[in-house]
Amino acid sequence: MKLHSLGEQLRAARIKKELSLYDVEKISGVEAQFLLAMEMDQLKALPEDIQQEALEKYATSVGLDGKRLFEEQR
């Protein structure tokens, strides 16, 4: 059984909470363009120095464990 990708997990959690990308942007402080990149499994498209913080903030804002998700991407 294939595990869901990072982007699929983030998007599913956001939708479950009935939040738009712009809602998450306001909650997390992470720009919507970066949120969208993460949902599209393009974490590496973000500047390297903000990848972990951005992922953790997004994940936390939708009820996921950002530290665990980041470690899974390494």
C-alpha atoms as a PDB file:
ATOM      1  CA  MET A   1       0.000   0.000   0.000  1.00  0.00           C
ATOM      2  CA  LYS A   2       1.450   3.368  -1.010  1.00  0.00           C
ATOM      3  CA  LEU A   3       1.603   6.080   1.602  1.00  0.00           C
ATOM      4  CA  HIS A   4       0.176   9.454   0.688  1.00  0.00           C
ATOM      5  CA  SER A   5       2.690  12.045  -0.457  1.00  0.00           C
ATOM      6  CA  LEU A   6       3.522  15.103   1.618  1.00  0.00           C
ATOM      7  CA  GLY A   7       1.384  17.288  -0.616  1.00  0.00           C
ATOM      8  CA  GLU A   8      -1.573  14.915  -0.460  1.00  0.00           C
ATOM      9  CA  GLN A   9      -1.395  14.822   3.339  1.00  0.00           C
ATOM     10  CA  LEU A  10      -1.230  18.606   3.658  1.00  0.00           C
ATOM     11  CA  ARG A  11      -4.037  19.232   1.182  1.00  0.00           C
ATOM     12  CA  ALA A  12      -6.305  16.569   2.718  1.00  0.00           C
ATOM     13  CA  ALA A  13      -5.797  18.010   6.210  1.00  0.00           C
ATOM     14  CA  ARG A  14      -6.482  21.551   4.956  1.00  0.00           C
ATOM     15  CA  ILE A  15      -9.660  20.499   3.166  1.00  0.00           C
ATOM     16  CA  LYS A  16     -10.832  18.488   6.182  1.00  0.00           C
ATOM     17  CA  LYS A  17     -10.605  21.688   8.232  1.00  0.00           C
ATOM     18  CA  GLU A  18     -12.419  23.577   5.439  1.00  0.00           C
ATOM     19  CA  LEU A  19      -9.567  26.056   5.008  1.00  0.00           C
ATOM     20  CA  SER A  20      -8.444  27.774   1.821  1.00  0.00           C
ATOM     21  CA  LEU A  21      -4.773  28.338   1.042  1.00  0.00           C
ATOM     22  CA  TYR A  22      -5.334  31.976   1.975  1.00  0.00           C
ATOM     23  CA  ASP A  23      -6.805  30.957   5.344  1.00  0.00           C
ATOM     24  CA  VAL A  24      -3.697  28.879   6.038  1.00  0.00           C
ATOM     25  CA  GLU A  25      -1.509  31.778   4.879  1.00  0.00           C
ATOM     26  CA  LYS A  26      -3.124  34.014   7.515  1.00  0.00           C
ATOM     27  CA  ILE A  27      -2.875  31.357  10.238  1.00  0.00           C
ATOM     28  CA  SER A  28       0.650  30.159   9.525  1.00  0.00           C
ATOM     29  CA  GLY A  29       2.320  33.283   8.182  1.00  0.00           C
ATOM     30  CA  VAL A  30       3.609  31.269   5.206  1.00  0.00           C
ATOM     31  CA  GLU A  31       2.980  32.770   1.754  1.00  0.00           C
ATOM     32  CA  ALA A  32       0.254  31.037  -0.279  1.00  0.00           C
ATOM     33  CA  GLN A  33       2.681  30.400  -3.155  1.00  0.00           C
ATOM     34  CA  PHE A  34       4.859  28.339  -0.794  1.00  0.00           C
ATOM     35  CA  LEU A  35       1.836  26.507   0.614  1.00  0.00           C
ATOM     36  CA  LEU A  36       0.787  25.587  -2.918  1.00  0.00           C
ATOM     37  CA  ALA A  37       4.312  24.415  -3.758  1.00  0.00           C
ATOM     38  CA  MET A  38       4.245  22.093  -0.737  1.00  0.00           C
ATOM     39  CA  GLU A  39       0.841  20.722  -1.758  1.00  0.00           C
ATOM     40  CA  MET A  40       2.334  19.998  -5.177  1.00  0.00           C
ATOM     41  CA  ASP A  41       5.193  18.035  -3.550  1.00  0.00           C
ATOM     42  CA  GLN A  42       7.667  20.770  -4.431  1.00  0.00           C
ATOM     43  CA  LEU A  43       9.114  21.456  -0.976  1.00  0.00           C
ATOM     44  CA  LYS A  44      12.568  21.793  -2.531  1.00  0.00           C
ATOM     45  CA  ALA A  45      11.256  24.735  -4.605  1.00  0.00           C
ATOM     46  CA  LEU A  46      11.172  26.802  -1.408  1.00  0.00           C
ATOM     47  CA  PRO A  47      14.346  28.566  -0.317  1.00  0.00           C
ATOM     48  CA  GLU A  48      16.365  25.974   1.600  1.00  0.00           C
ATOM     49  CA  ASP A  49      16.641  28.123   4.720  1.00  0.00           C
ATOM     50  CA  ILE A  50      12.847  28.252   5.199  1.00  0.00           C
ATOM     51  CA  GLN A  51      11.779  24.750   4.116  1.00  0.00           C
ATOM     52  CA  GLN A  52      11.581  23.200   7.573  1.00  0.00           C
ATOM     53  CA  GLU A  53       9.972  26.192   9.274  1.00  0.00           C
ATOM     54  CA  ALA A  54       7.417  26.666   6.486  1.00  0.00           C
ATOM     55  CA  LEU A  55       6.460  22.991   6.485  1.00  0.00           C
ATOM     56  CA  GLU A  56       6.150  22.879  10.268  1.00  0.00           C
ATOM     57  CA  LYS A  57       3.986  26.022  10.326  1.00  0.00           C
ATOM     58  CA  TYR A  58       1.725  24.719   7.558  1.00  0.00           C
ATOM     59  CA  ALA A  59       1.411  21.287   9.130  1.00  0.00           C
ATOM     60  CA  THR A  60       0.673  22.686  12.587  1.00  0.00           C
ATOM     61  CA  SER A  61      -2.001  25.002  11.203  1.00  0.00           C
ATOM     62  CA  VAL A  62      -3.893  22.013   9.760  1.00  0.00           C
ATOM     63  CA  GLY A  63      -3.359  19.672  12.723  1.00  0.00           C
ATOM     64  CA  LEU A  64      -0.413  17.603  11.474  1.00  0.00           C
ATOM     65  CA  ASP A  65       3.018  16.906  12.989  1.00  0.00           C
ATOM     66  CA  GLY A  66       5.346  19.119  10.974  1.00  0.00           C
ATOM     67  CA  LYS A  67       8.558  17.789  12.505  1.00  0.00           C
ATOM     68  CA  ARG A  68       7.632  14.225  11.558  1.00  0.00           C
ATOM     69  CA  LEU A  69       6.621  15.232   8.039  1.00  0.00           C
ATOM     70  CA  PHE A  70       9.883  17.114   7.522  1.00  0.00           C
ATOM     71  CA  GLU A  71      11.961  14.169   8.738  1.00  0.00           C
ATOM     72  CA  GLU A  72      10.098  11.882   6.320  1.00  0.00           C
ATOM     73  CA  GLN A  73      11.196  14.142   3.441  1.00  0.00           C
ATOM     74  CA  ARG A  74      14.905  13.849   4.234  1.00  0.00           C
END
